[in-house]
């Protein structure tokens, strides 16, 4: 039986694409919320969510690249 990492390999591209689409959607929500008016709590919540999602995506992509490099050598 293969490891969970090997089972998820075919889905990696779809997961990364879904993550970046989520970032784009949240940035759109952030832009609309800033344009509509002063609801500072909502703007802060969406901004923090965008930052957390971007950090998670970049960390996951770097980890995936490092793991693939290690497996090849």
N, C-alpha and C. Protein backbone atom coordinates (compact mmCIF):
# COMPACT_ATOMS: atom_id res chain seq x y z
N UNK A 1 0.85 -1.18 0.00
CA UNK A 1 0.00 0.00 0.00
C UNK A 1 0.89 1.24 0.00
N UNK A 2 0.52 2.23 -0.76
CA UNK A 2 1.34 3.44 -0.86
C UNK A 2 1.04 4.40 0.28
N UNK A 3 1.97 5.30 0.53
CA UNK A 3 1.81 6.27 1.61
C UNK A 3 0.78 7.33 1.22
N UNK A 4 0.22 8.03 2.20
CA UNK A 4 -0.75 9.09 1.87
C UNK A 4 -0.16 10.19 0.99
N UNK A 5 1.15 10.45 1.14
CA UNK A 5 1.79 11.46 0.29
C UNK A 5 1.77 11.04 -1.17
N UNK A 6 2.01 9.77 -1.43
CA UNK A 6 2.00 9.28 -2.81
C UNK A 6 0.59 9.24 -3.36
N UNK A 7 -0.39 8.98 -2.51
CA UNK A 7 -1.79 8.95 -2.96
C UNK A 7 -2.28 10.34 -3.31
N UNK A 8 -1.79 11.36 -2.62
CA UNK A 8 -2.21 12.74 -2.87
C UNK A 8 -1.48 13.40 -4.03
N UNK A 9 -0.44 12.79 -4.54
CA UNK A 9 0.38 13.41 -5.59
C UNK A 9 -0.43 13.80 -6.83
N UNK A 10 -1.33 12.95 -7.34
CA UNK A 10 -2.10 13.37 -8.52
C UNK A 10 -3.02 14.56 -8.25
N UNK A 11 -3.38 14.79 -7.00
CA UNK A 11 -4.29 15.88 -6.65
C UNK A 11 -3.57 17.17 -6.29
N UNK A 12 -2.25 17.15 -6.28
CA UNK A 12 -1.49 18.32 -5.81
C UNK A 12 -1.82 19.57 -6.62
N UNK A 13 -1.82 19.47 -7.93
CA UNK A 13 -2.10 20.63 -8.79
C UNK A 13 -3.49 21.19 -8.55
N UNK A 14 -4.46 20.31 -8.39
CA UNK A 14 -5.83 20.76 -8.14
C UNK A 14 -5.95 21.45 -6.79
N UNK A 15 -5.25 20.93 -5.80
CA UNK A 15 -5.29 21.54 -4.46
C UNK A 15 -4.66 22.93 -4.46
N UNK A 16 -3.53 23.06 -5.14
CA UNK A 16 -2.86 24.36 -5.20
C UNK A 16 -3.72 25.36 -5.97
N UNK A 17 -4.31 24.92 -7.07
CA UNK A 17 -5.19 25.80 -7.84
C UNK A 17 -6.39 26.24 -7.02
N UNK A 18 -6.99 25.32 -6.29
CA UNK A 18 -8.12 25.67 -5.44
C UNK A 18 -7.72 26.66 -4.35
N UNK A 19 -6.53 26.49 -3.80
CA UNK A 19 -6.04 27.42 -2.79
C UNK A 19 -5.86 28.82 -3.34
N UNK A 20 -5.25 28.94 -4.51
CA UNK A 20 -5.03 30.27 -5.09
C UNK A 20 -6.34 30.90 -5.56
N UNK A 21 -7.29 30.09 -6.01
CA UNK A 21 -8.60 30.63 -6.35
C UNK A 21 -9.31 31.16 -5.11
N UNK A 22 -9.12 30.48 -3.99
CA UNK A 22 -9.69 30.96 -2.73
C UNK A 22 -9.08 32.30 -2.32
N UNK A 23 -7.77 32.42 -2.53
CA UNK A 23 -7.11 33.70 -2.23
C UNK A 23 -7.68 34.80 -3.11
N UNK A 24 -7.87 34.52 -4.40
CA UNK A 24 -8.43 35.53 -5.30
C UNK A 24 -9.84 35.92 -4.88
N UNK A 25 -10.65 34.95 -4.50
CA UNK A 25 -12.01 35.23 -4.04
C UNK A 25 -12.00 36.09 -2.78
N UNK A 26 -11.14 35.74 -1.83
CA UNK A 26 -11.07 36.51 -0.59
C UNK A 26 -10.54 37.93 -0.84
N UNK A 27 -9.61 38.08 -1.77
CA UNK A 27 -9.15 39.43 -2.11
C UNK A 27 -10.27 40.25 -2.72
N UNK A 28 -11.12 39.61 -3.51
CA UNK A 28 -12.29 40.29 -4.05
C UNK A 28 -13.25 40.71 -2.94
N UNK A 29 -13.47 39.83 -1.98
CA UNK A 29 -14.31 40.19 -0.83
C UNK A 29 -13.70 41.35 -0.04
N UNK A 30 -12.39 41.32 0.12
CA UNK A 30 -11.71 42.39 0.84
C UNK A 30 -11.89 43.72 0.10
N UNK A 31 -11.70 43.71 -1.21
CA UNK A 31 -11.85 44.93 -1.99
C UNK A 31 -13.28 45.47 -1.89
N UNK A 32 -14.28 44.60 -2.01
CA UNK A 32 -15.68 45.02 -1.91
C UNK A 32 -15.96 45.58 -0.52
N UNK A 33 -15.46 44.93 0.51
CA UNK A 33 -15.74 45.39 1.88
C UNK A 33 -15.09 46.74 2.16
N UNK A 34 -13.92 46.98 1.60
CA UNK A 34 -13.26 48.28 1.78
C UNK A 34 -14.05 49.36 1.04
N UNK A 35 -14.52 49.04 -0.15
CA UNK A 35 -15.27 50.01 -0.95
C UNK A 35 -16.64 50.34 -0.36
N UNK A 36 -17.27 49.39 0.30
CA UNK A 36 -18.65 49.59 0.77
C UNK A 36 -18.75 50.44 2.02
N UNK A 37 -17.80 50.33 2.89
CA UNK A 37 -17.92 51.14 4.09
C UNK A 37 -17.12 50.62 5.25
N UNK A 38 -17.19 51.34 6.33
CA UNK A 38 -16.32 51.05 7.48
C UNK A 38 -16.85 49.96 8.41
N UNK A 39 -16.61 48.73 8.06
CA UNK A 39 -16.85 47.63 8.99
C UNK A 39 -15.48 47.03 9.28
N UNK A 40 -14.77 47.65 10.20
CA UNK A 40 -13.37 47.33 10.44
C UNK A 40 -13.14 45.88 10.87
N UNK A 41 -14.08 45.33 11.64
CA UNK A 41 -13.90 43.95 12.10
C UNK A 41 -13.92 42.98 10.93
N UNK A 42 -14.83 43.17 10.00
CA UNK A 42 -14.92 42.28 8.84
C UNK A 42 -13.70 42.43 7.95
N UNK A 43 -13.26 43.65 7.73
CA UNK A 43 -12.07 43.89 6.90
C UNK A 43 -10.85 43.22 7.53
N UNK A 44 -10.69 43.34 8.82
CA UNK A 44 -9.55 42.73 9.51
C UNK A 44 -9.63 41.20 9.44
N UNK A 45 -10.82 40.66 9.60
CA UNK A 45 -11.00 39.20 9.55
C UNK A 45 -10.64 38.66 8.17
N UNK A 46 -11.13 39.30 7.13
CA UNK A 46 -10.84 38.84 5.77
C UNK A 46 -9.35 39.01 5.46
N UNK A 47 -8.76 40.12 5.87
CA UNK A 47 -7.33 40.35 5.62
C UNK A 47 -6.47 39.30 6.33
N UNK A 48 -6.79 38.98 7.56
CA UNK A 48 -6.04 37.96 8.30
C UNK A 48 -6.22 36.59 7.66
N UNK A 49 -7.41 36.30 7.17
CA UNK A 49 -7.66 35.03 6.51
C UNK A 49 -6.85 34.92 5.22
N UNK A 50 -6.78 36.00 4.47
CA UNK A 50 -5.98 36.00 3.24
C UNK A 50 -4.51 35.77 3.55
N UNK A 51 -3.99 36.45 4.55
CA UNK A 51 -2.58 36.30 4.92
C UNK A 51 -2.30 34.87 5.37
N UNK A 52 -3.17 34.32 6.21
CA UNK A 52 -2.97 32.95 6.69
C UNK A 52 -3.02 31.95 5.55
N UNK A 53 -3.94 32.14 4.61
CA UNK A 53 -4.05 31.22 3.49
C UNK A 53 -2.83 31.31 2.57
N UNK A 54 -2.34 32.51 2.32
CA UNK A 54 -1.15 32.67 1.47
C UNK A 54 0.07 32.04 2.15
N UNK A 55 0.22 32.28 3.43
CA UNK A 55 1.36 31.69 4.16
C UNK A 55 1.28 30.16 4.12
N UNK A 56 0.10 29.62 4.33
CA UNK A 56 -0.08 28.17 4.27
C UNK A 56 0.20 27.60 2.89
N UNK A 57 -0.27 28.28 1.85
CA UNK A 57 -0.02 27.81 0.49
C UNK A 57 1.47 27.83 0.15
N UNK A 58 2.13 28.93 0.47
CA UNK A 58 3.56 29.03 0.15
C UNK A 58 4.36 28.00 0.94
N UNK A 59 4.04 27.82 2.20
CA UNK A 59 4.75 26.83 3.02
C UNK A 59 4.51 25.42 2.48
N UNK A 60 3.28 25.11 2.10
CA UNK A 60 2.98 23.80 1.55
C UNK A 60 3.66 23.54 0.23
N UNK A 61 3.73 24.56 -0.62
CA UNK A 61 4.39 24.41 -1.91
C UNK A 61 5.90 24.22 -1.74
N UNK A 62 6.49 24.96 -0.80
CA UNK A 62 7.93 24.79 -0.55
C UNK A 62 8.22 23.41 0.01
N UNK A 63 7.36 22.95 0.93
CA UNK A 63 7.55 21.63 1.53
C UNK A 63 7.42 20.53 0.47
N UNK A 64 6.45 20.70 -0.42
CA UNK A 64 6.26 19.73 -1.48
C UNK A 64 7.47 19.70 -2.41
N UNK A 65 7.98 20.86 -2.78
CA UNK A 65 9.15 20.93 -3.66
C UNK A 65 10.37 20.31 -2.98
N UNK A 66 10.55 20.60 -1.71
CA UNK A 66 11.69 20.05 -0.98
C UNK A 66 11.59 18.53 -0.89
N UNK A 67 10.40 18.03 -0.64
CA UNK A 67 10.19 16.59 -0.53
C UNK A 67 10.47 15.90 -1.88
N UNK A 68 10.02 16.51 -2.97
CA UNK A 68 10.26 15.93 -4.30
C UNK A 68 11.75 15.93 -4.63
N UNK A 69 12.45 17.01 -4.26
CA UNK A 69 13.89 17.09 -4.50
C UNK A 69 14.62 16.01 -3.71
N UNK A 70 14.18 15.77 -2.47
CA UNK A 70 14.81 14.77 -1.61
C UNK A 70 14.57 13.36 -2.16
N UNK A 71 13.37 13.11 -2.69
CA UNK A 71 13.05 11.78 -3.23
C UNK A 71 13.85 11.48 -4.49
N UNK A 72 14.17 12.49 -5.28
CA UNK A 72 14.90 12.28 -6.53
C UNK A 72 16.37 11.98 -6.30
N UNK A 73 16.93 12.50 -5.20
CA UNK A 73 18.36 12.29 -4.97
C UNK A 73 18.65 11.01 -4.21
